[in-house]
Structures are given as C-alpha cells and as structure tokens.
C-alpha atoms as a PDB file:
ATOM      1  CA  MET A   1      20.321-127.405  36.538  1.00  0.00           C
ATOM      2  CA  THR A   2      21.696-127.056  39.837  1.00  0.00           C
ATOM      3  CA  ALA A   3      19.324-125.257  42.290  1.00  0.00           C
ATOM      4  CA  ALA A   4      21.042-122.329  44.616  1.00  0.00           C
ATOM      5  CA  VAL A   5      21.964-123.078  48.027  1.00  0.00           C
ATOM      6  CA  LYS A   6      20.317-120.908  50.265  1.00  0.00           C
ATOM      7  CA  LYS A   7      22.712-119.647  53.261  1.00  0.00           C
ATOM      8  CA  PRO A   8      21.245-120.098  56.484  1.00  0.00           C
ATOM      9  CA  PHE A   9      20.317-117.342  58.531  1.00  0.00           C
ATOM     10  CA  SER A  10      23.239-115.890  60.588  1.00  0.00           C
ATOM     11  CA  TRP A  11      22.448-113.450  63.313  1.00  0.00           C
ATOM     12  CA  SER A  12      26.178-112.551  63.808  1.00  0.00           C
ATOM     13  CA  HIS A  13      26.378-111.731  60.292  1.00  0.00           C
ATOM     14  CA  GLU A  14      23.406-109.341  60.498  1.00  0.00           C
ATOM     15  CA  VAL A  15      24.899-107.906  63.645  1.00  0.00           C
ATOM     16  CA  ARG A  16      28.081-107.060  61.857  1.00  0.00           C
ATOM     17  CA  GLN A  17      26.306-105.545  58.929  1.00  0.00           C
ATOM     18  CA  TRP A  18      24.268-103.094  61.119  1.00  0.00           C
ATOM     19  CA  ALA A  19      27.719-102.263  63.016  1.00  0.00           C
ATOM     20  CA  TRP A  20      29.277-101.216  59.878  1.00  0.00           C
ATOM     21  CA  LEU A  21      26.652 -99.243  59.002  1.00  0.00           C
ATOM     22  CA  ILE A  22      26.167 -97.460  61.935  1.00  0.00           C
ATOM     23  CA  LEU A  23      30.154 -96.940  61.968  1.00  0.00           C
ATOM     24  CA  ILE A  24      29.923 -95.313  58.538  1.00  0.00           C
ATOM     25  CA  VAL A  25      26.826 -92.953  59.480  1.00  0.00           C
ATOM     26  CA  LEU A  26      28.891 -92.219  62.915  1.00  0.00           C
ATOM     27  CA  GLY A  27      32.061 -91.459  60.583  1.00  0.00           C
ATOM     28  CA  ILE A  28      30.303 -89.226  58.197  1.00  0.00           C
ATOM     29  CA  HIS A  29      28.392 -87.127  61.251  1.00  0.00           C
ATOM     30  CA  SER A  30      31.708 -86.819  63.279  1.00  0.00           C
ATOM     31  CA  PHE A  31      34.271 -86.234  60.548  1.00  0.00           C
ATOM     32  CA  ILE A  32      32.670 -84.646  57.837  1.00  0.00           C
ATOM     33  CA  ALA A  33      29.298 -83.209  58.000  1.00  0.00           C
ATOM     34  CA  LYS A  34      26.400 -83.164  59.920  1.00  0.00           C
ATOM     35  CA  PRO A  35      22.307 -81.708  59.780  1.00  0.00           C
ATOM     36  CA  PHE A  36      21.979 -79.038  62.168  1.00  0.00           C
ATOM     37  CA  PHE A  37      18.214 -77.192  62.878  1.00  0.00           C
ATOM     38  CA  ILE A  38      17.878 -73.856  64.532  1.00  0.00           C
ATOM     39  CA  PRO A  39      16.155 -73.552  67.519  1.00  0.00           C
ATOM     40  CA  SER A  40      15.920 -69.811  68.657  1.00  0.00           C
ATOM     41  CA  GLU A  41      16.123 -66.465  67.064  1.00  0.00           C
ATOM     42  CA  SER A  42      19.820 -65.197  68.032  1.00  0.00           C
ATOM     43  CA  MET A  43      20.943 -65.246  64.361  1.00  0.00           C
ATOM     44  CA  VAL A  44      17.927 -63.737  62.882  1.00  0.00           C
ATOM     45  CA  ASP A  45      18.153 -62.718  60.073  1.00  0.00           C
ATOM     46  CA  THR A  46      20.848 -65.063  58.727  1.00  0.00           C
ATOM     47  CA  LEU A  47      19.078 -67.987  60.431  1.00  0.00           C
ATOM     48  CA  LEU A  48      15.542 -68.339  61.199  1.00  0.00           C
ATOM     49  CA  VAL A  49      13.698 -71.022  63.913  1.00  0.00           C
ATOM     50  CA  GLY A  50      13.059 -74.154  61.659  1.00  0.00           C
ATOM     51  CA  ASP A  51      15.729 -73.550  59.345  1.00  0.00           C
ATOM     52  CA  ARG A  52      17.679 -76.982  58.579  1.00  0.00           C
ATOM     53  CA  LEU A  53      21.238 -76.698  57.558  1.00  0.00           C
ATOM     54  CA  VAL A  54      24.586 -78.450  56.737  1.00  0.00           C
ATOM     55  CA  VAL A  55      27.453 -78.016  59.055  1.00  0.00           C
ATOM     56  CA  SER A  56      30.724 -79.309  57.581  1.00  0.00           C
ATOM     57  CA  LYS A  57      33.124 -80.849  60.407  1.00  0.00           C
ATOM     58  CA  PHE A  58      36.877 -80.443  58.759  1.00  0.00           C
ATOM     59  CA  PRO A  59      37.267 -77.201  57.946  1.00  0.00           C
ATOM     60  CA  TYR A  60      38.907 -76.458  61.376  1.00  0.00           C
ATOM     61  CA  GLY A  61      40.442 -79.609  62.407  1.00  0.00           C
ATOM     62  CA  PHE A  62      38.761 -81.995  64.717  1.00  0.00           C
ATOM     63  CA  SER A  63      38.952 -82.264  68.694  1.00  0.00           C
ATOM     64  CA  TYR A  64      37.689 -84.080  71.457  1.00  0.00           C
ATOM     65  CA  MET A  65      34.282 -82.397  70.663  1.00  0.00           C
ATOM     66  CA  SER A  66      34.098 -83.470  67.242  1.00  0.00           C
ATOM     67  CA  PRO A  67      32.539 -87.122  67.572  1.00  0.00           C
ATOM     68  CA  SER A  68      28.560 -86.865  67.116  1.00  0.00           C
ATOM     69  CA  ILE A  69      27.897 -89.269  70.187  1.00  0.00           C
ATOM     70  CA  PRO A  70      29.201 -86.943  73.028  1.00  0.00           C
ATOM     71  CA  LEU A  71      27.493 -88.652  75.692  1.00  0.00           C
ATOM     72  CA  VAL A  72      28.947 -91.795  75.125  1.00  0.00           C
ATOM     73  CA  VAL A  73      32.508 -90.928  73.776  1.00  0.00           C
ATOM     74  CA  GLN A  74      33.325 -87.550  75.269  1.00  0.00           C
ATOM     75  CA  PRO A  75      33.332 -88.854  78.779  1.00  0.00           C
ATOM     76  CA  ILE A  76      36.358 -91.469  77.670  1.00  0.00           C
ATOM     77  CA  LEU A  77      38.156 -89.036  75.548  1.00  0.00           C
ATOM     78  CA  PRO A  78      41.080 -87.268  76.765  1.00  0.00           C
ATOM     79  CA  LYS A  79      40.042 -83.762  76.998  1.00  0.00           C
ATOM     80  CA  MET A  80      42.993 -82.224  74.777  1.00  0.00           C
ATOM     81  CA  GLN A  81      43.443 -78.745  74.394  1.00  0.00           C
ATOM     82  CA  GLY A  82      43.888 -77.615  70.717  1.00  0.00           C
ATOM     83  CA  ARG A  83      42.730 -79.207  67.453  1.00  0.00           C
ATOM     84  CA  ILE A  84      44.025 -82.057  65.202  1.00  0.00           C
ATOM     85  CA  PHE A  85      44.947 -80.895  61.896  1.00  0.00           C
ATOM     86  CA  GLY A  86      43.619 -77.372  63.452  1.00  0.00           C
ATOM     87  CA  SER A  87      42.962 -74.007  61.592  1.00  0.00           C
ATOM     88  CA  LEU A  88      41.509 -71.127  63.054  1.00  0.00           C
ATOM     89  CA  PRO A  89      37.895 -69.604  61.656  1.00  0.00           C
ATOM     90  CA  ARG A  90      37.934 -66.580  59.583  1.00  0.00           C
ATOM     91  CA  ARG A  91      36.075 -63.790  61.212  1.00  0.00           C
ATOM     92  CA  GLY A  92      32.441 -63.705  59.801  1.00  0.00           C
ATOM     93  CA  ASP A  93      32.532 -67.634  59.604  1.00  0.00           C
ATOM     94  CA  VAL A  94      28.836 -68.976  61.238  1.00  0.00           C
ATOM     95  CA  VAL A  95      30.242 -71.852  63.576  1.00  0.00           C
ATOM     96  CA  VAL A  96      28.311 -74.308  65.639  1.00  0.00           C
ATOM     97  CA  ILE A  97      30.050 -75.084  69.048  1.00  0.00           C
ATOM     98  CA  LYS A  98      29.337 -76.761  72.313  1.00  0.00           C
ATOM     99  CA  SER A  99      28.172 -74.325  74.689  1.00  0.00           C
ATOM    100  CA  PRO A 100      30.618 -74.057  77.599  1.00  0.00           C
ATOM    101  CA  SER A 101      27.432 -73.322  79.706  1.00  0.00           C
ATOM    102  CA  ASP A 102      25.314 -76.121  79.004  1.00  0.00           C
ATOM    103  CA  GLY A 103      27.282 -78.629  76.687  1.00  0.00           C
ATOM    104  CA  ASN A 104      24.470 -77.909  73.673  1.00  0.00           C
ATOM    105  CA  ASP A 105      25.592 -77.412  70.422  1.00  0.00           C
ATOM    106  CA  TRP A 106      24.782 -73.652  69.383  1.00  0.00           C
ATOM    107  CA  ILE A 107      25.583 -71.470  66.390  1.00  0.00           C
ATOM    108  CA  LYS A 108      26.756 -67.820  66.460  1.00  0.00           C
ATOM    109  CA  ARG A 109      29.085 -65.773  64.194  1.00  0.00           C
ATOM    110  CA  VAL A 110      32.757 -65.647  64.731  1.00  0.00           C
ATOM    111  CA  ILE A 111      34.120 -61.628  65.506  1.00  0.00           C
ATOM    112  CA  GLY A 112      37.290 -61.923  67.133  1.00  0.00           C
ATOM    113  CA  LEU A 113      40.445 -64.189  66.883  1.00  0.00           C
ATOM    114  CA  PRO A 114      43.343 -64.717  69.747  1.00  0.00           C
ATOM    115  CA  GLY A 115      44.754 -61.423  70.484  1.00  0.00           C
ATOM    116  CA  ASP A 116      41.695 -59.108  69.015  1.00  0.00           C
ATOM    117  CA  THR A 117      40.519 -56.663  71.180  1.00  0.00           C
ATOM    118  CA  VAL A 118      36.866 -56.576  71.004  1.00  0.00           C
ATOM    119  CA  GLU A 119      34.274 -53.631  72.608  1.00  0.00           C
ATOM    120  CA  MET A 120      30.660 -52.736  71.894  1.00  0.00           C
ATOM    121  CA  VAL A 121      29.941 -48.768  72.063  1.00  0.00           C
ATOM    122  CA  ASN A 122      26.352 -47.972  71.850  1.00  0.00           C
ATOM    123  CA  GLY A 123      25.428 -51.148  69.863  1.00  0.00           C
ATOM    124  CA  ARG A 124      28.653 -50.413  67.283  1.00  0.00           C
ATOM    125  CA  LEU A 125      31.251 -53.183  66.924  1.00  0.00           C
ATOM    126  CA  ILE A 126      34.710 -51.784  67.917  1.00  0.00           C
ATOM    127  CA  LEU A 127      37.578 -54.344  66.575  1.00  0.00           C
ATOM    128  CA  ASN A 128      41.209 -53.582  67.562  1.00  0.00           C
ATOM    129  CA  GLY A 129      40.378 -50.295  68.519  1.00  0.00           C
ATOM    130  CA  LYS A 130      38.344 -49.332  65.056  1.00  0.00           C
ATOM    131  CA  PRO A 131      34.990 -48.856  64.119  1.00  0.00           C
ATOM    132  CA  VAL A 132      33.652 -52.113  61.956  1.00  0.00           C
ATOM    133  CA  PRO A 133      32.058 -49.878  59.117  1.00  0.00           C
ATOM    134  CA  THR A 134      28.212 -50.215  59.609  1.00  0.00           C
ATOM    135  CA  THR A 135      25.747 -49.138  57.144  1.00  0.00           C
ATOM    136  CA  ARG A 136      21.723 -49.137  57.194  1.00  0.00           C
ATOM    137  CA  VAL A 137      20.581 -51.357  54.654  1.00  0.00           C
ATOM    138  CA  ALA A 138      16.736 -52.384  53.876  1.00  0.00           C
ATOM    139  CA  ASP A 139      14.948 -53.749  56.982  1.00  0.00           C
ATOM    140  CA  SER A 140      14.553 -57.321  57.239  1.00  0.00           C
ATOM    141  CA  ILE A 141      11.283 -59.255  56.515  1.00  0.00           C
ATOM    142  CA  VAL A 142       9.995 -61.984  58.162  1.00  0.00           C
ATOM    143  CA  VAL A 143       6.922 -63.696  57.211  1.00  0.00           C
ATOM    144  CA  ALA A 144       5.340 -64.012  60.693  1.00  0.00           C
ATOM    145  CA  SER A 145       4.461 -67.991  61.714  1.00  0.00           C
ATOM    146  CA  PRO A 146       4.396 -69.969  64.408  1.00  0.00           C
ATOM    147  CA  ASN A 147       8.307 -70.198  64.152  1.00  0.00           C
ATOM    148  CA  SER A 148       9.162 -66.360  63.793  1.00  0.00           C
ATOM    149  CA  ASP A 149       6.671 -64.317  65.369  1.00  0.00           C
ATOM    150  CA  CYS A 150       8.184 -61.020  66.960  1.00  0.00           C
ATOM    151  CA  ALA A 151       4.785 -60.616  68.759  1.00  0.00           C
ATOM    152  CA  LEU A 152       5.319 -63.705  70.720  1.00  0.00           C
ATOM    153  CA  ASN A 153       8.959 -63.260  71.247  1.00  0.00           C
ATOM    154  CA  GLY A 154       8.902 -60.078  72.857  1.00  0.00           C
ATOM    155  CA  PHE A 155       9.040 -57.451  70.138  1.00  0.00           C
ATOM    156  CA  PRO A 156       5.508 -56.562  69.062  1.00  0.00           C
ATOM    157  CA  GLN A 157       6.610 -52.525  67.927  1.00  0.00           C
ATOM    158  CA  TYR A 158       7.776 -54.823  64.891  1.00  0.00           C
ATOM    159  CA  ARG A 159       4.695 -56.632  64.038  1.00  0.00           C
ATOM    160  CA  THR A 160       2.554 -55.269  60.920  1.00  0.00           C
ATOM    161  CA  THR A 161       0.896 -56.096  57.867  1.00  0.00           C
ATOM    162  CA  ALA A 162       2.269 -56.088  54.265  1.00  0.00           C
ATOM    163  CA  ALA A 163       0.112 -54.710  50.942  1.00  0.00           C
ATOM    164  CA  ASP A 164      -1.477 -58.236  50.693  1.00  0.00           C
ATOM    165  CA  GLY A 165      -2.593 -58.614  54.224  1.00  0.00           C
ATOM    166  CA  THR A 166       0.570 -61.142  55.258  1.00  0.00           C
ATOM    167  CA  GLY A 167       1.579 -60.360  58.607  1.00  0.00           C
ATOM    168  CA  ILE A 168       5.247 -59.624  58.968  1.00  0.00           C
ATOM    169  CA  CYS A 169       8.150 -58.814  61.184  1.00  0.00           C
ATOM    170  CA  LYS A 170      10.174 -55.904  59.689  1.00  0.00           C
ATOM    171  CA  TYR A 171      13.380 -55.681  61.630  1.00  0.00           C
ATOM    172  CA  PRO A 172      15.998 -53.108  61.424  1.00  0.00           C
ATOM    173  CA  ARG A 173      18.776 -54.400  59.552  1.00  0.00           C
ATOM    174  CA  PHE A 174      22.662 -53.003  59.270  1.00  0.00           C
ATOM    175  CA  GLN A 175      25.456 -54.683  57.415  1.00  0.00           C
ATOM    176  CA  GLU A 176      29.235 -54.889  59.093  1.00  0.00           C
ATOM    177  CA  VAL A 177      32.369 -55.272  57.237  1.00  0.00           C
ATOM    178  CA  PHE A 178      35.353 -56.569  58.495  1.00  0.00           C
ATOM    179  CA  PRO A 179      38.844 -55.460  57.397  1.00  0.00           C
ATOM    180  CA  ASP A 180      39.161 -58.388  54.927  1.00  0.00           C
ATOM    181  CA  GLY A 181      36.083 -57.120  52.861  1.00  0.00           C
ATOM    182  CA  ARG A 182      33.913 -59.502  54.430  1.00  0.00           C
ATOM    183  CA  ARG A 183      30.632 -58.538  55.023  1.00  0.00           C
ATOM    184  CA  HIS A 184      27.124 -59.810  56.995  1.00  0.00           C
ATOM    185  CA  ASN A 185      23.787 -58.367  58.318  1.00  0.00           C
ATOM    186  CA  VAL A 186      22.809 -57.904  61.583  1.00  0.00           C
ATOM    187  CA  ILE A 187      19.348 -56.984  63.595  1.00  0.00           C
ATOM    188  CA  ASP A 188      19.341 -53.802  65.758  1.00  0.00           C
ATOM    189  CA  LEU A 189      16.044 -54.176  67.913  1.00  0.00           C
ATOM    190  CA  MET A 190      16.626 -52.002  70.951  1.00  0.00           C
ATOM    191  CA  ASP A 191      19.089 -50.663  73.283  1.00  0.00           C
ATOM    192  CA  GLY A 192      20.044 -53.323  74.914  1.00  0.00           C
ATOM    193  CA  PRO A 193      22.227 -54.378  77.921  1.00  0.00           C
ATOM    194  CA  TYR A 194      25.234 -55.738  75.875  1.00  0.00           C
ATOM    195  CA  ASP A 195      25.380 -52.530  73.525  1.00  0.00           C
ATOM    196  CA  ASN A 196      27.808 -51.363  75.794  1.00  0.00           C
ATOM    197  CA  TRP A 197      30.556 -53.890  76.439  1.00  0.00           C
ATOM    198  CA  GLY A 198      34.329 -54.345  76.962  1.00  0.00           C
ATOM    199  CA  PRO A 199      36.593 -53.857  75.997  1.00  0.00           C
ATOM    200  CA  ALA A 200      38.177 -57.345  76.259  1.00  0.00           C
ATOM    201  CA  THR A 201      41.020 -58.918  74.319  1.00  0.00           C
ATOM    202  CA  VAL A 202      40.388 -62.870  73.052  1.00  0.00           C
ATOM    203  CA  PRO A 203      43.066 -64.990  74.699  1.00  0.00           C
ATOM    204  CA  GLU A 204      45.098 -67.748  72.865  1.00  0.00           C
ATOM    205  CA  GLY A 205      42.843 -70.765  72.303  1.00  0.00           C
ATOM    206  CA  ALA A 206      39.875 -68.756  72.090  1.00  0.00           C
ATOM    207  CA  VAL A 207      37.167 -67.297  69.645  1.00  0.00           C
ATOM    208  CA  PHE A 208      34.370 -64.524  70.508  1.00  0.00           C
ATOM    209  CA  LEU A 209      31.297 -65.331  69.055  1.00  0.00           C
ATOM    210  CA  MET A 210      27.906 -62.873  68.519  1.00  0.00           C
ATOM    211  CA  GLY A 211      24.743 -63.722  67.607  1.00  0.00           C
ATOM    212  CA  ASP A 212      23.576 -61.577  64.206  1.00  0.00           C
ATOM    213  CA  ASN A 213      20.488 -60.642  66.113  1.00  0.00           C
ATOM    214  CA  ARG A 214      22.590 -58.677  68.503  1.00  0.00           C
ATOM    215  CA  ASP A 215      20.051 -57.729  71.362  1.00  0.00           C
ATOM    216  CA  ASN A 216      18.521 -61.246  71.538  1.00  0.00           C
ATOM    217  CA  SER A 217      21.607 -63.358  71.568  1.00  0.00           C
ATOM    218  CA  LYS A 218      23.349 -64.685  74.602  1.00  0.00           C
ATOM    219  CA  ASP A 219      26.957 -65.164  73.160  1.00  0.00           C
ATOM    220  CA  SER A 220      30.509 -64.152  74.031  1.00  0.00           C
ATOM    221  CA  ARG A 221      29.439 -60.639  75.939  1.00  0.00           C
ATOM    222  CA  VAL A 222      27.540 -62.599  78.619  1.00  0.00           C
ATOM    223  CA  PRO A 223      29.775 -65.006  81.091  1.00  0.00           C
ATOM    224  CA  VAL A 224      29.248 -68.764  81.025  1.00  0.00           C
ATOM    225  CA  GLU A 225      28.100 -68.121  84.604  1.00  0.00           C
ATOM    226  CA  GLU A 226      24.831 -66.088  83.432  1.00  0.00           C
ATOM    227  CA  GLY A 227      24.137 -68.976  80.824  1.00  0.00           C
ATOM    228  CA  GLY A 228      26.249 -66.935  78.135  1.00  0.00           C
ATOM    229  CA  LEU A 229      29.354 -68.519  76.166  1.00  0.00           C
ATOM    230  CA  GLY A 230      32.578 -66.205  77.422  1.00  0.00           C
ATOM    231  CA  MET A 231      35.166 -66.464  75.261  1.00  0.00           C
ATOM    232  CA  VAL A 232      35.156 -70.070  73.660  1.00  0.00           C
ATOM    233  CA  PRO A 233      38.063 -72.667  73.554  1.00  0.00           C
ATOM    234  CA  ILE A 234      38.588 -73.353  70.076  1.00  0.00           C
ATOM    235  CA  GLU A 235      38.231 -77.230  70.952  1.00  0.00           C
ATOM    236  CA  ASN A 236      34.526 -76.088  71.385  1.00  0.00           C
ATOM    237  CA  ILE A 237      34.222 -75.820  67.661  1.00  0.00           C
ATOM    238  CA  VAL A 238      32.043 -78.516  66.202  1.00  0.00           C
ATOM    239  CA  GLY A 239      31.936 -77.158  62.658  1.00  0.00           C
ATOM    240  CA  ARG A 240      31.502 -74.583  60.130  1.00  0.00           C
ATOM    241  CA  ALA A 241      27.420 -73.700  59.010  1.00  0.00           C
ATOM    242  CA  GLU A 242      27.548 -74.299  54.931  1.00  0.00           C
ATOM    243  CA  PHE A 243      23.972 -73.659  53.726  1.00  0.00           C
ATOM    244  CA  THR A 244      20.514 -74.128  54.507  1.00  0.00           C
ATOM    245  CA  THR A 245      18.976 -77.249  53.096  1.00  0.00           C
ATOM    246  CA  PHE A 246      15.390 -76.425  53.989  1.00  0.00           C
ATOM    247  CA  SER A 247      13.058 -74.550  56.539  1.00  0.00           C
ATOM    248  CA  LEU A 248       9.799 -75.031  57.978  1.00  0.00           C
ATOM    249  CA  ASP A 249       7.253 -72.216  59.439  1.00  0.00           C
ATOM    250  CA  GLY A 250       5.860 -74.315  62.242  1.00  0.00           C
ATOM    251  CA  SER A 251       2.222 -74.042  60.621  1.00  0.00           C
ATOM    252  CA  THR A 252       1.698 -78.099  60.506  1.00  0.00           C
ATOM    253  CA  THR A 253       2.815 -81.019  62.433  1.00  0.00           C
ATOM    254  CA  LEU A 254       5.297 -83.321  60.672  1.00  0.00           C
ATOM    255  CA  ASN A 255       2.566 -84.776  59.363  1.00  0.00           C
ATOM    256  CA  PRO A 256       3.411 -87.260  56.335  1.00  0.00           C
ATOM    257  CA  LEU A 257       0.526 -85.619  54.308  1.00  0.00           C
ATOM    258  CA  THR A 258       0.741 -82.266  55.274  1.00  0.00           C
ATOM    259  CA  TRP A 259       4.273 -81.093  56.702  1.00  0.00           C
ATOM    260  CA  TRP A 260       5.465 -79.893  53.026  1.00  0.00           C
ATOM    261  CA  THR A 261       2.661 -76.638  53.502  1.00  0.00           C
ATOM    262  CA  SER A 262       4.939 -75.584  55.929  1.00  0.00           C
ATOM    263  CA  LEU A 263       8.304 -75.190  53.778  1.00  0.00           C
ATOM    264  CA  ARG A 264       9.635 -71.815  53.430  1.00  0.00           C
ATOM    265  CA  GLY A 265      10.668 -72.352  49.694  1.00  0.00           C
ATOM    266  CA  ASP A 266      13.012 -69.349  49.288  1.00  0.00           C
ATOM    267  CA  ARG A 267      14.963 -70.213  52.536  1.00  0.00           C
ATOM    268  CA  ALA A 268      16.441 -73.296  50.827  1.00  0.00           C
ATOM    269  CA  PHE A 269      20.070 -74.028  49.965  1.00  0.00           C
ATOM    270  CA  ARG A 270      21.009 -70.674  51.157  1.00  0.00           C
ATOM    271  CA  ASN A 271      25.132 -70.033  51.521  1.00  0.00           C
ATOM    272  CA  LEU A 272      25.397 -69.061  55.078  1.00  0.00           C
ATOM    273  CA  GLN A 273      29.088 -67.792  54.837  1.00  0.00           C
ATOM    274  CA  PRO A 274      29.773 -64.118  54.394  1.00  0.00           C
ATOM    275  CA  ASP A 275      30.208 -61.943  51.139  1.00  0.00           C
END
C-alpha cells in the first residue's frame, strides 16, 4: 500500500483560507444580517438595555453606510445619496441607523416618511394634522437589574416592589396606532421638553425617527447640533431590527461559568416589528 503523501505547509494557502473566511463573514454582516445590542433606555419597553438582536441588512436596499467595517471602507466609498435596490421603510418599523451626530449605530422607530408632517402636542403624536389614536394600556413592568433600574436612571418615582418582593420599575404605557393599523407601545415618563414640538415636514430622502421611551430619547426631535438625529437621510439606515436572540440583565460578568444566570429568559426571540 502506498503511503499518502503529506502536503507541505503553505503560508500562502493559510492566508487565502483566512481571507476567504473574513470576506464571507463581512459579506454576511454587510449585506444579509448583523447582531446588535441595546446600550440605552431610549426604546423601553420594546427593548431593554442588554437585549441582543438580529438586524437584517437588505429590506431597504443598500447604501455606502451598509458595510460593517465603516472605519476602513466608508472613507473610500463615494458618499452617494439614496440606496441601491432601495425601498422606504414603513411607519412603525424599528431600524438601526448611523447617527448623523456621532456616526455610531442607534436604534429608533420610524414615525414619519418623506412628505409627512410630524408634530407633538402635550406628548401626543400628530401625523399629517391628525392625532394618532393613543390608548392607555397596562403598565410596563421591568424587573430592576443593573442594566434596567429606573431608580439609577433618573426616574426613582417608578421604582416599586412586586408582591413577591422583587424590585421592579412600573412605567405608564400607551399604545399608538398608525393609519395603516400597525400598532406599538410607548412609555410616557413625565412632561418632557419635546412633548410640544413642530410641526415639521419630513423632506424627500429622509425619515423621522423617535424612541419608544419618548421622554428619555434623543431622536429626530433633537437637532444634530444638540446631539440628536434631526431628519435622518435614508442612506443612514443600516437595517431593520427583526427579533431578539437573548438578553442579559447585567447582574454577572461574562464569566463562562456564571454568565447564564443573568439571562432574561422571557426576552428571547421577540418579534420587534409592530402588529
């Protein structure tokens, strides 16, 4: 029997293999889907700090913001307006965008499309001159944890204790219904500085975004010069948030032996698009 001939080690072969692997991963991140995590309270109660989710990259087409390696690729890409194979999001979609103010990924909900007139009156959303139907629904109950504690985030008045002794944050929750019937929940914490805003018309090539936690969100109501979003160009849309994968409450470190104890089991695989 003839012994198999062992191929000599080749650095060039190894480099090519790794290069292909990296290109495949970057291709998936840039054009199919990417993971995302929630760092702030601006989308409570739809999303909590510590939620991990999947963002699909293709529903609205692609722009020069689409690649997932912006520090390397974006400076050499032509800053073209619009999107290739582009389509507009729907009102109510939860989207990830590149913030015009700091270039980081932010997540918000689409409220206004090009040509829409948006206004806030006493905390009530007015769309194209008509109040969006808003109904008081059951309070949002969030178990207090290092990642989600209203007492530590400037709203101690909502901190209370459940019947079993668990510390919770109990937020006033409302449901808004868009003209096409899509509905989503929002949180109203106080009389905020942007409860009365506008009216303003969304220009062509832009969208108007807001966080569901209306009084704790820097969004399109806040000018870029003040650290907000202003009217967001459609090319800044990175993708659409689809569903959560898992969530961590921040009570442990990412130790391989203990991290699982901080899992929020009830937050896995939640659909993030409105009904």
